[in-house]
Amino acid sequence: MTFTITEQAAAFYKKELNLNKGDSLSFYVRVGGVGSGGFSAGLYKGKPDIEYTSVEKQDITFCIHQDDMWYFDGMTIDYHDDYNEVTFENSRIGSVINPQ
């Protein structure tokens, strides 16, 4: 099980959340995203308490708890400067808001 976070997304999170070398940021599945009634990605600073998958970029460890990998497996987390937003795309599940 894998996920990708681009250099641009890692740099965005590092800057916006004042992350330092060695810090960790964890993603998790949120139910009932704003206006969607579906799923979205939440995040918090730190590592999960139990088994997780991680990727290191820009000296930051990005983590996903094993129980949330059904959503993030195959996902690319990217940042688009033109729109000033982070995007979450996963061709494996199609719509990340309402996965089938």
PDB file of N, CA and C in Angstrom:
ATOM      1  N   MET A   1       0.842  -1.179   0.000  1.00  0.00           N
ATOM      2  CA  MET A   1       0.000   0.000   0.000  1.00  0.00           C
ATOM      3  C   MET A   1       0.888   1.243   0.000  1.00  0.00           C
ATOM      4  N   THR A   2       0.602   2.132  -0.933  1.00  0.00           N
ATOM      5  CA  THR A   2       1.424   3.328  -1.058  1.00  0.00           C
ATOM      6  C   THR A   2       0.576   4.555  -1.354  1.00  0.00           C
ATOM      7  N   PHE A   3       1.143   5.689  -1.076  1.00  0.00           N
ATOM      8  CA  PHE A   3       0.569   6.965  -1.459  1.00  0.00           C
ATOM      9  C   PHE A   3       1.719   7.879  -1.854  1.00  0.00           C
ATOM     10  N   THR A   4       1.392   8.920  -2.609  1.00  0.00           N
ATOM     11  CA  THR A   4       2.415   9.851  -3.075  1.00  0.00           C
ATOM     12  C   THR A   4       2.078  11.247  -2.594  1.00  0.00           C
ATOM     13  N   ILE A   5       3.071  11.930  -2.099  1.00  0.00           N
ATOM     14  CA  ILE A   5       2.926  13.352  -1.804  1.00  0.00           C
ATOM     15  C   ILE A   5       4.001  14.058  -2.613  1.00  0.00           C
ATOM     16  N   THR A   6       3.604  15.005  -3.419  1.00  0.00           N
ATOM     17  CA  THR A   6       4.561  15.681  -4.289  1.00  0.00           C
ATOM     18  C   THR A   6       5.436  16.643  -3.489  1.00  0.00           C
ATOM     19  N   GLU A   7       6.551  17.027  -4.089  1.00  0.00           N
ATOM     20  CA  GLU A   7       7.439  18.006  -3.453  1.00  0.00           C
ATOM     21  C   GLU A   7       6.700  19.318  -3.202  1.00  0.00           C
ATOM     22  N   GLN A   8       5.832  19.698  -4.149  1.00  0.00           N
ATOM     23  CA  GLN A   8       5.075  20.943  -4.002  1.00  0.00           C
ATOM     24  C   GLN A   8       4.120  20.875  -2.812  1.00  0.00           C
ATOM     25  N   ALA A   9       3.431  19.754  -2.650  1.00  0.00           N
ATOM     26  CA  ALA A   9       2.511  19.597  -1.516  1.00  0.00           C
ATOM     27  C   ALA A   9       3.285  19.570  -0.202  1.00  0.00           C
ATOM     28  N   ALA A  10       4.407  18.862  -0.186  1.00  0.00           N
ATOM     29  CA  ALA A  10       5.222  18.798   1.034  1.00  0.00           C
ATOM     30  C   ALA A  10       5.715  20.191   1.422  1.00  0.00           C
ATOM     31  N   ALA A  11       6.167  20.965   0.448  1.00  0.00           N
ATOM     32  CA  ALA A  11       6.643  22.322   0.718  1.00  0.00           C
ATOM     33  C   ALA A  11       5.504  23.208   1.237  1.00  0.00           C
ATOM     34  N   PHE A  12       4.309  23.047   0.661  1.00  0.00           N
ATOM     35  CA  PHE A  12       3.148  23.813   1.112  1.00  0.00           C
ATOM     36  C   PHE A  12       2.837  23.525   2.581  1.00  0.00           C
ATOM     37  N   TYR A  13       2.724  22.248   2.927  1.00  0.00           N
ATOM     38  CA  TYR A  13       2.420  21.890   4.322  1.00  0.00           C
ATOM     39  C   TYR A  13       3.523  22.349   5.265  1.00  0.00           C
ATOM     40  N   LYS A  14       4.764  22.180   4.836  1.00  0.00           N
ATOM     41  CA  LYS A  14       5.894  22.579   5.674  1.00  0.00           C
ATOM     42  C   LYS A  14       5.825  24.076   5.994  1.00  0.00           C
ATOM     43  N   LYS A  15       5.532  24.881   4.983  1.00  0.00           N
ATOM     44  CA  LYS A  15       5.456  26.336   5.164  1.00  0.00           C
ATOM     45  C   LYS A  15       4.211  26.737   5.963  1.00  0.00           C
ATOM     46  N   GLU A  16       3.043  26.255   5.542  1.00  0.00           N
ATOM     47  CA  GLU A  16       1.784  26.674   6.153  1.00  0.00           C
ATOM     48  C   GLU A  16       1.631  26.228   7.597  1.00  0.00           C
ATOM     49  N   LEU A  17       2.202  25.072   7.941  1.00  0.00           N
ATOM     50  CA  LEU A  17       2.053  24.536   9.293  1.00  0.00           C
ATOM     51  C   LEU A  17       3.315  24.708  10.136  1.00  0.00           C
ATOM     52  N   ASN A  18       4.265  25.475   9.617  1.00  0.00           N
ATOM     53  CA  ASN A  18       5.524  25.732  10.325  1.00  0.00           C
ATOM     54  C   ASN A  18       6.193  24.442  10.783  1.00  0.00           C
ATOM     55  N   LEU A  19       6.268  23.469   9.877  1.00  0.00           N
ATOM     56  CA  LEU A  19       6.897  22.192  10.201  1.00  0.00           C
ATOM     57  C   LEU A  19       8.413  22.313  10.076  1.00  0.00           C
ATOM     58  N   ASN A  20       9.112  21.617  10.946  1.00  0.00           N
ATOM     59  CA  ASN A  20      10.567  21.628  10.958  1.00  0.00           C
ATOM     60  C   ASN A  20      11.114  20.245  10.628  1.00  0.00           C
ATOM     61  N   LYS A  21      12.375  20.195  10.276  1.00  0.00           N
ATOM     62  CA  LYS A  21      13.043  18.936   9.985  1.00  0.00           C
ATOM     63  C   LYS A  21      12.773  17.943  11.107  1.00  0.00           C
ATOM     64  N   GLY A  22      12.303  16.747  10.724  1.00  0.00           N
ATOM     65  CA  GLY A  22      12.015  15.702  11.708  1.00  0.00           C
ATOM     66  C   GLY A  22      10.578  15.660  12.188  1.00  0.00           C
ATOM     67  N   ASP A  23       9.771  16.677  11.850  1.00  0.00           N
ATOM     68  CA  ASP A  23       8.363  16.669  12.245  1.00  0.00           C
ATOM     69  C   ASP A  23       7.582  15.643  11.430  1.00  0.00           C
ATOM     70  N   SER A  24       6.411  15.289  11.922  1.00  0.00           N
ATOM     71  CA  SER A  24       5.516  14.350  11.235  1.00  0.00           C
ATOM     72  C   SER A  24       4.144  14.970  11.075  1.00  0.00           C
ATOM     73  N   LEU A  25       3.490  14.599   9.981  1.00  0.00           N
ATOM     74  CA  LEU A  25       2.131  15.042   9.702  1.00  0.00           C
ATOM     75  C   LEU A  25       1.338  13.825   9.269  1.00  0.00           C
ATOM     76  N   SER A  26       0.189  13.598   9.892  1.00  0.00           N
ATOM     77  CA  SER A  26      -0.620  12.422   9.589  1.00  0.00           C
ATOM     78  C   SER A  26      -1.927  12.809   8.913  1.00  0.00           C
ATOM     79  N   PHE A  27      -2.290  12.039   7.895  1.00  0.00           N
ATOM     80  CA  PHE A  27      -3.569  12.188   7.204  1.00  0.00           C
ATOM     81  C   PHE A  27      -4.519  11.107   7.698  1.00  0.00           C
ATOM     82  N   TYR A  28      -5.799  11.433   7.729  1.00  0.00           N
ATOM     83  CA  TYR A  28      -6.813  10.453   8.105  1.00  0.00           C
ATOM     84  C   TYR A  28      -8.084  10.724   7.307  1.00  0.00           C
ATOM     85  N   VAL A  29      -8.985   9.768   7.285  1.00  0.00           N
ATOM     86  CA  VAL A  29     -10.242   9.913   6.556  1.00  0.00           C
ATOM     87  C   VAL A  29     -11.250  10.639   7.438  1.00  0.00           C
ATOM     88  N   ARG A  30     -11.817  11.716   6.897  1.00  0.00           N
ATOM     89  CA  ARG A  30     -12.876  12.461   7.566  1.00  0.00           C
ATOM     90  C   ARG A  30     -14.179  12.132   6.875  1.00  0.00           C
ATOM     91  N   VAL A  31     -15.196  11.910   7.633  1.00  0.00           N
ATOM     92  CA  VAL A  31     -16.530  11.672   7.071  1.00  0.00           C
ATOM     93  C   VAL A  31     -17.307  12.978   7.172  1.00  0.00           C
ATOM     94  N   GLY A  32     -17.996  13.346   6.073  1.00  0.00           N
ATOM     95  CA  GLY A  32     -18.817  14.551   6.089  1.00  0.00           C
ATOM     96  C   GLY A  32     -18.041  15.808   5.827  1.00  0.00           C
ATOM     97  N   GLY A  33     -17.221  15.808   4.783  1.00  0.00           N
ATOM     98  CA  GLY A  33     -16.483  17.003   4.396  1.00  0.00           C
ATOM     99  C   GLY A  33     -17.425  18.161   4.116  1.00  0.00           C
ATOM    100  N   VAL A  34     -16.923  19.353   4.196  1.00  0.00           N
ATOM    101  CA  VAL A  34     -17.715  20.569   4.045  1.00  0.00           C
ATOM    102  C   VAL A  34     -18.525  20.531   2.752  1.00  0.00           C
ATOM    103  N   GLY A  35     -19.837  20.562   2.879  1.00  0.00           N
ATOM    104  CA  GLY A  35     -20.728  20.627   1.742  1.00  0.00           C
ATOM    105  C   GLY A  35     -20.878  19.356   0.931  1.00  0.00           C
ATOM    106  N   SER A  36     -20.095  18.335   1.239  1.00  0.00           N
ATOM    107  CA  SER A  36     -20.124  17.144   0.388  1.00  0.00           C
ATOM    108  C   SER A  36     -20.953  16.010   0.985  1.00  0.00           C
ATOM    109  N   GLY A  37     -20.976  15.917   2.294  1.00  0.00           N
ATOM    110  CA  GLY A  37     -21.637  14.787   2.921  1.00  0.00           C
ATOM    111  C   GLY A  37     -20.897  13.493   2.671  1.00  0.00           C
ATOM    112  N   GLY A  38     -19.723  13.582   2.082  1.00  0.00           N
ATOM    113  CA  GLY A  38     -18.923  12.402   1.750  1.00  0.00           C
ATOM    114  C   GLY A  38     -17.659  12.338   2.580  1.00  0.00           C
ATOM    115  N   PHE A  39     -16.577  11.956   1.924  1.00  0.00           N
ATOM    116  CA  PHE A  39     -15.297  11.786   2.597  1.00  0.00           C
ATOM    117  C   PHE A  39     -14.347  12.917   2.216  1.00  0.00           C
ATOM    118  N   SER A  40     -13.408  13.203   3.091  1.00  0.00           N
ATOM    119  CA  SER A  40     -12.337  14.137   2.798  1.00  0.00           C
ATOM    120  C   SER A  40     -11.145  13.763   3.667  1.00  0.00           C
ATOM    121  N   ALA A  41     -10.020  14.409   3.407  1.00  0.00           N
ATOM    122  CA  ALA A  41      -8.798  14.129   4.164  1.00  0.00           C
ATOM    123  C   ALA A  41      -8.660  15.130   5.302  1.00  0.00           C
ATOM    124  N   GLY A  42      -8.415  14.600   6.487  1.00  0.00           N
ATOM    125  CA  GLY A  42      -8.084  15.433   7.631  1.00  0.00           C
ATOM    126  C   GLY A  42      -6.603  15.267   7.906  1.00  0.00           C
ATOM    127  N   LEU A  43      -6.039  16.109   8.750  1.00  0.00           N
ATOM    128  CA  LEU A  43      -4.632  15.957   9.105  1.00  0.00           C
ATOM    129  C   LEU A  43      -4.371  16.479  10.504  1.00  0.00           C
ATOM    130  N   TYR A  44      -3.303  15.974  11.082  1.00  0.00           N
ATOM    131  CA  TYR A  44      -2.851  16.454  12.383  1.00  0.00           C
ATOM    132  C   TYR A  44      -1.343  16.290  12.475  1.00  0.00           C
ATOM    133  N   LYS A  45      -0.725  17.118  13.289  1.00  0.00           N
ATOM    134  CA  LYS A  45       0.719  17.047  13.476  1.00  0.00           C
ATOM    135  C   LYS A  45       1.024  15.876  14.402  1.00  0.00           C
ATOM    136  N   GLY A  46       1.981  15.042  13.999  1.00  0.00           N
ATOM    137  CA  GLY A  46       2.380  13.895  14.787  1.00  0.00           C
ATOM    138  C   GLY A  46       2.184  12.603  14.022  1.00  0.00           C
ATOM    139  N   LYS A  47       2.553  11.502  14.676  1.00  0.00           N
ATOM    140  CA  LYS A  47       2.418  10.169  14.082  1.00  0.00           C
ATOM    141  C   LYS A  47       1.257   9.429  14.739  1.00  0.00           C
ATOM    142  N   PRO A  48       0.633   8.506  14.003  1.00  0.00           N
ATOM    143  CA  PRO A  48      -0.405   7.671  14.620  1.00  0.00           C
ATOM    144  C   PRO A  48       0.185   6.823  15.748  1.00  0.00           C
ATOM    145  N   ASP A  49      -0.656   6.436  16.684  1.00  0.00           N
ATOM    146  CA  ASP A  49      -0.200   5.637  17.828  1.00  0.00           C
ATOM    147  C   ASP A  49       0.068   4.181  17.475  1.00  0.00           C
ATOM    148  N   ILE A  50      -0.564   3.682  16.402  1.00  0.00           N
ATOM    149  CA  ILE A  50      -0.344   2.293  16.012  1.00  0.00           C
ATOM    150  C   ILE A  50       0.116   2.237  14.562  1.00  0.00           C
ATOM    151  N   GLU A  51       0.212   1.061  14.002  1.00  0.00           N
ATOM    152  CA  GLU A  51       0.841   0.827  12.706  1.00  0.00           C
ATOM    153  C   GLU A  51       0.380   1.798  11.619  1.00  0.00           C
ATOM    154  N   TYR A  52       1.363   2.300  10.870  1.00  0.00           N
ATOM    155  CA  TYR A  52       1.077   3.268   9.809  1.00  0.00           C
ATOM    156  C   TYR A  52       2.078   3.118   8.671  1.00  0.00           C
ATOM    157  N   THR A  53       1.732   3.711   7.541  1.00  0.00           N
ATOM    158  CA  THR A  53       2.599   3.797   6.377  1.00  0.00           C
ATOM    159  C   THR A  53       3.083   5.231   6.293  1.00  0.00           C
ATOM    160  N   SER A  54       4.323   5.436   5.849  1.00  0.00           N
ATOM    161  CA  SER A  54       4.826   6.802   5.781  1.00  0.00           C
ATOM    162  C   SER A  54       5.684   7.035   4.541  1.00  0.00           C
ATOM    163  N   VAL A  55       5.786   8.305   4.186  1.00  0.00           N
ATOM    164  CA  VAL A  55       6.633   8.782   3.102  1.00  0.00           C
ATOM    165  C   VAL A  55       7.357  10.010   3.634  1.00  0.00           C
ATOM    166  N   GLU A  56       8.645  10.124   3.341  1.00  0.00           N
ATOM    167  CA  GLU A  56       9.390  11.294   3.782  1.00  0.00           C
ATOM    168  C   GLU A  56       9.661  12.209   2.597  1.00  0.00           C
ATOM    169  N   LYS A  57       9.312  13.481   2.771  1.00  0.00           N
ATOM    170  CA  LYS A  57       9.578  14.522   1.778  1.00  0.00           C
ATOM    171  C   LYS A  57       9.943  15.798   2.511  1.00  0.00           C
ATOM    172  N   GLN A  58      10.920  16.514   1.990  1.00  0.00           N
ATOM    173  CA  GLN A  58      11.314  17.811   2.548  1.00  0.00           C
ATOM    174  C   GLN A  58      11.640  17.686   4.044  1.00  0.00           C
ATOM    175  N   ASP A  59      12.225  16.545   4.449  1.00  0.00           N
ATOM    176  CA  ASP A  59      12.613  16.264   5.842  1.00  0.00           C
ATOM    177  C   ASP A  59      11.426  16.145   6.794  1.00  0.00           C
ATOM    178  N   ILE A  60      10.225  15.948   6.245  1.00  0.00           N
ATOM    179  CA  ILE A  60       9.005  15.752   7.031  1.00  0.00           C
ATOM    180  C   ILE A  60       8.488  14.347   6.746  1.00  0.00           C
ATOM    181  N   THR A  61       8.002  13.655   7.780  1.00  0.00           N
ATOM    182  CA  THR A  61       7.415  12.337   7.606  1.00  0.00           C
ATOM    183  C   THR A  61       5.902  12.483   7.518  1.00  0.00           C
ATOM    184  N   PHE A  62       5.340  12.060   6.377  1.00  0.00           N
ATOM    185  CA  PHE A  62       3.900  12.103   6.150  1.00  0.00           C
ATOM    186  C   PHE A  62       3.355  10.704   6.381  1.00  0.00           C
ATOM    187  N   CYS A  63       2.387  10.566   7.278  1.00  0.00           N
ATOM    188  CA  CYS A  63       1.916   9.265   7.748  1.00  0.00           C
ATOM    189  C   CYS A  63       0.433   9.045   7.454  1.00  0.00           C
ATOM    190  N   ILE A  64       0.096   7.764   7.293  1.00  0.00           N
ATOM    191  CA  ILE A  64      -1.308   7.370   7.193  1.00  0.00           C
ATOM    192  C   ILE A  64      -1.497   6.105   8.010  1.00  0.00           C
ATOM    193  N   HIS A  65      -2.433   6.162   8.947  1.00  0.00           N
ATOM    194  CA  HIS A  65      -2.765   5.027   9.797  1.00  0.00           C
ATOM    195  C   HIS A  65      -3.249   3.865   8.931  1.00  0.00           C
ATOM    196  N   GLN A  66      -2.892   2.659   9.308  1.00  0.00           N
ATOM    197  CA  GLN A  66      -3.255   1.472   8.542  1.00  0.00           C
ATOM    198  C   GLN A  66      -4.760   1.374   8.279  1.00  0.00           C
ATOM    199  N   ASP A  67      -5.594   1.757   9.230  1.00  0.00           N
ATOM    200  CA  ASP A  67      -7.047   1.670   9.058  1.00  0.00           C
ATOM    201  C   ASP A  67      -7.581   2.628   7.990  1.00  0.00           C
ATOM    202  N   ASP A  68      -6.805   3.654   7.623  1.00  0.00           N
ATOM    203  CA  ASP A  68      -7.242   4.620   6.621  1.00  0.00           C
ATOM    204  C   ASP A  68      -6.629   4.386   5.244  1.00  0.00           C
ATOM    205  N   MET A  69      -5.831   3.336   5.106  1.00  0.00           N
ATOM    206  CA  MET A  69      -5.179   3.086   3.826  1.00  0.00           C
ATOM    207  C   MET A  69      -6.166   2.702   2.732  1.00  0.00           C
ATOM    208  N   TRP A  70      -7.351   2.211   3.048  1.00  0.00           N
ATOM    209  CA  TRP A  70      -8.347   1.882   2.019  1.00  0.00           C
ATOM    210  C   TRP A  70      -8.655   3.117   1.171  1.00  0.00           C
ATOM    211  N   TYR A  71      -8.565   4.293   1.770  1.00  0.00           N
ATOM    212  CA  TYR A  71      -8.880   5.548   1.095  1.00  0.00           C
ATOM    213  C   TYR A  71      -7.645   6.145   0.406  1.00  0.00           C
ATOM    214  N   PHE A  72      -6.507   6.094   1.079  1.00  0.00           N
ATOM    215  CA  PHE A  72      -5.300   6.755   0.591  1.00  0.00           C
ATOM    216  C   PHE A  72      -4.423   5.873  -0.301  1.00  0.00           C
ATOM    217  N   ASP A  73      -4.641   4.559  -0.321  1.00  0.00           N
ATOM    218  CA  ASP A  73      -3.817   3.673  -1.130  1.00  0.00           C
ATOM    219  C   ASP A  73      -3.913   4.063  -2.604  1.00  0.00           C
ATOM    220  N   GLY A  74      -2.801   4.417  -3.216  1.00  0.00           N
ATOM    221  CA  GLY A  74      -2.768   4.839  -4.607  1.00  0.00           C
ATOM    222  C   GLY A  74      -3.019   6.326  -4.811  1.00  0.00           C
ATOM    223  N   MET A  75      -3.231   7.070  -3.737  1.00  0.00           N
ATOM    224  CA  MET A  75      -3.564   8.490  -3.838  1.00  0.00           C
ATOM    225  C   MET A  75      -2.322   9.341  -4.085  1.00  0.00           C
ATOM    226  N   THR A  76      -2.520  10.414  -4.847  1.00  0.00           N
ATOM    227  CA  THR A  76      -1.494  11.435  -5.019  1.00  0.00           C
ATOM    228  C   THR A  76      -1.995  12.720  -4.383  1.00  0.00           C
ATOM    229  N   ILE A  77      -1.201  13.242  -3.463  1.00  0.00           N
ATOM    230  CA  ILE A  77      -1.503  14.507  -2.800  1.00  0.00           C
ATOM    231  C   ILE A  77      -0.574  15.539  -3.439  1.00  0.00           C
ATOM    232  N   ASP A  78      -1.159  16.546  -4.049  1.00  0.00           N
ATOM    233  CA  ASP A  78      -0.386  17.518  -4.817  1.00  0.00           C
ATOM    234  C   ASP A  78      -0.821  18.925  -4.422  1.00  0.00           C
ATOM    235  N   TYR A  79      -0.025  19.902  -4.791  1.00  0.00           N
ATOM    236  CA  TYR A  79      -0.364  21.308  -4.565  1.00  0.00           C
ATOM    237  C   TYR A  79      -0.289  22.031  -5.899  1.00  0.00           C
ATOM    238  N   HIS A  80      -1.324  22.809  -6.197  1.00  0.00           N
ATOM    239  CA  HIS A  80      -1.364  23.574  -7.435  1.00  0.00           C
ATOM    240  C   HIS A  80      -1.276  25.060  -7.097  1.00  0.00           C
ATOM    241  N   ASP A  81      -0.138  25.641  -7.411  1.00  0.00           N
ATOM    242  CA  ASP A  81       0.131  27.045  -7.097  1.00  0.00           C
ATOM    243  C   ASP A  81      -0.863  27.991  -7.778  1.00  0.00           C
ATOM    244  N   ASP A  82      -1.268  27.664  -9.001  1.00  0.00           N
ATOM    245  CA  ASP A  82      -2.206  28.534  -9.727  1.00  0.00           C
ATOM    246  C   ASP A  82      -3.529  28.695  -8.991  1.00  0.00           C
ATOM    247  N   TYR A  83      -3.957  27.635  -8.305  1.00  0.00           N
ATOM    248  CA  TYR A  83      -5.232  27.654  -7.584  1.00  0.00           C
ATOM    249  C   TYR A  83      -5.055  27.829  -6.084  1.00  0.00           C
ATOM    250  N   ASN A  84      -3.792  27.789  -5.627  1.00  0.00           N
ATOM    251  CA  ASN A  84      -3.471  27.893  -4.207  1.00  0.00           C
ATOM    252  C   ASN A  84      -4.248  26.851  -3.389  1.00  0.00           C
ATOM    253  N   GLU A  85      -4.174  25.581  -3.863  1.00  0.00           N
ATOM    254  CA  GLU A  85      -4.886  24.528  -3.146  1.00  0.00           C
ATOM    255  C   GLU A  85      -4.189  23.173  -3.269  1.00  0.00           C
ATOM    256  N   VAL A  86      -4.408  22.378  -2.260  1.00  0.00           N
ATOM    257  CA  VAL A  86      -3.929  21.000  -2.258  1.00  0.00           C
ATOM    258  C   VAL A  86      -5.010  20.146  -2.919  1.00  0.00           C
ATOM    259  N   THR A  87      -4.592  19.197  -3.742  1.00  0.00           N
ATOM    260  CA  THR A  87      -5.547  18.301  -4.392  1.00  0.00           C
ATOM    261  C   THR A  87      -5.265  16.863  -3.982  1.00  0.00           C
ATOM    262  N   PHE A  88      -6.313  16.071  -3.963  1.00  0.00           N
ATOM    263  CA  PHE A  88      -6.236  14.655  -3.626  1.00  0.00           C
ATOM    264  C   PHE A  88      -6.855  13.884  -4.784  1.00  0.00           C
ATOM    265  N   GLU A  89      -6.049  13.062  -5.455  1.00  0.00           N
ATOM    266  CA  GLU A  89      -6.541  12.289  -6.589  1.00  0.00           C
ATOM    267  C   GLU A  89      -6.174  10.825  -6.399  1.00  0.00           C
ATOM    268  N   ASN A  90      -7.153   9.959  -6.682  1.00  0.00           N
ATOM    269  CA  ASN A  90      -6.921   8.523  -6.567  1.00  0.00           C
ATOM    270  C   ASN A  90      -7.718   7.820  -7.664  1.00  0.00           C
ATOM    271  N   SER A  91      -7.033   7.459  -8.738  1.00  0.00           N
ATOM    272  CA  SER A  91      -7.716   6.818  -9.861  1.00  0.00           C
ATOM    273  C   SER A  91      -8.271   5.447  -9.479  1.00  0.00           C
ATOM    274  N   ARG A  92      -7.737   4.864  -8.430  1.00  0.00           N
ATOM    275  CA  ARG A  92      -8.195   3.554  -7.980  1.00  0.00           C
ATOM    276  C   ARG A  92      -9.633   3.589  -7.454  1.00  0.00           C
ATOM    277  N   ILE A  93     -10.016   4.723  -6.850  1.00  0.00           N
ATOM    278  CA  ILE A  93     -11.367   4.825  -6.272  1.00  0.00           C
ATOM    279  C   ILE A  93     -12.238   5.854  -6.990  1.00  0.00           C
ATOM    280  N   GLY A  94     -11.680   6.515  -8.005  1.00  0.00           N
ATOM    281  CA  GLY A  94     -12.476   7.505  -8.734  1.00  0.00           C
ATOM    282  C   GLY A  94     -12.701   8.747  -7.910  1.00  0.00           C
ATOM    283  N   SER A  95     -13.900   8.962  -7.440  1.00  0.00           N
ATOM    284  CA  SER A  95     -14.244  10.146  -6.675  1.00  0.00           C
ATOM    285  C   SER A  95     -13.762   9.991  -5.233  1.00  0.00           C
ATOM    286  N   VAL A  96     -12.869  10.902  -4.803  1.00  0.00           N
ATOM    287  CA  VAL A  96     -12.387  10.823  -3.428  1.00  0.00           C
ATOM    288  C   VAL A  96     -13.428  11.320  -2.428  1.00  0.00           C
ATOM    289  N   ILE A  97     -14.461  11.992  -2.928  1.00  0.00           N
ATOM    290  CA  ILE A  97     -15.529  12.469  -2.050  1.00  0.00           C
ATOM    291  C   ILE A  97     -16.529  11.358  -1.779  1.00  0.00           C
ATOM    292  N   ASN A  98     -16.862  10.579  -2.814  1.00  0.00           N
ATOM    293  CA  ASN A  98     -17.816   9.491  -2.675  1.00  0.00           C
ATOM    294  C   ASN A  98     -17.246   8.217  -3.297  1.00  0.00           C
ATOM    295  N   PRO A  99     -16.256   7.590  -2.634  1.00  0.00           N
ATOM    296  CA  PRO A  99     -15.627   6.392  -3.201  1.00  0.00           C
ATOM    297  C   PRO A  99     -16.608   5.226  -3.296  1.00  0.00           C
ATOM    298  N   GLN A 100     -16.447   4.423  -4.331  1.00  0.00           N
ATOM    299  CA  GLN A 100     -17.283   3.244  -4.524  1.00  0.00           C
ATOM    300  C   GLN A 100     -16.544   2.002  -4.077  1.00  0.00           C
TER     301      GLN A 100
END
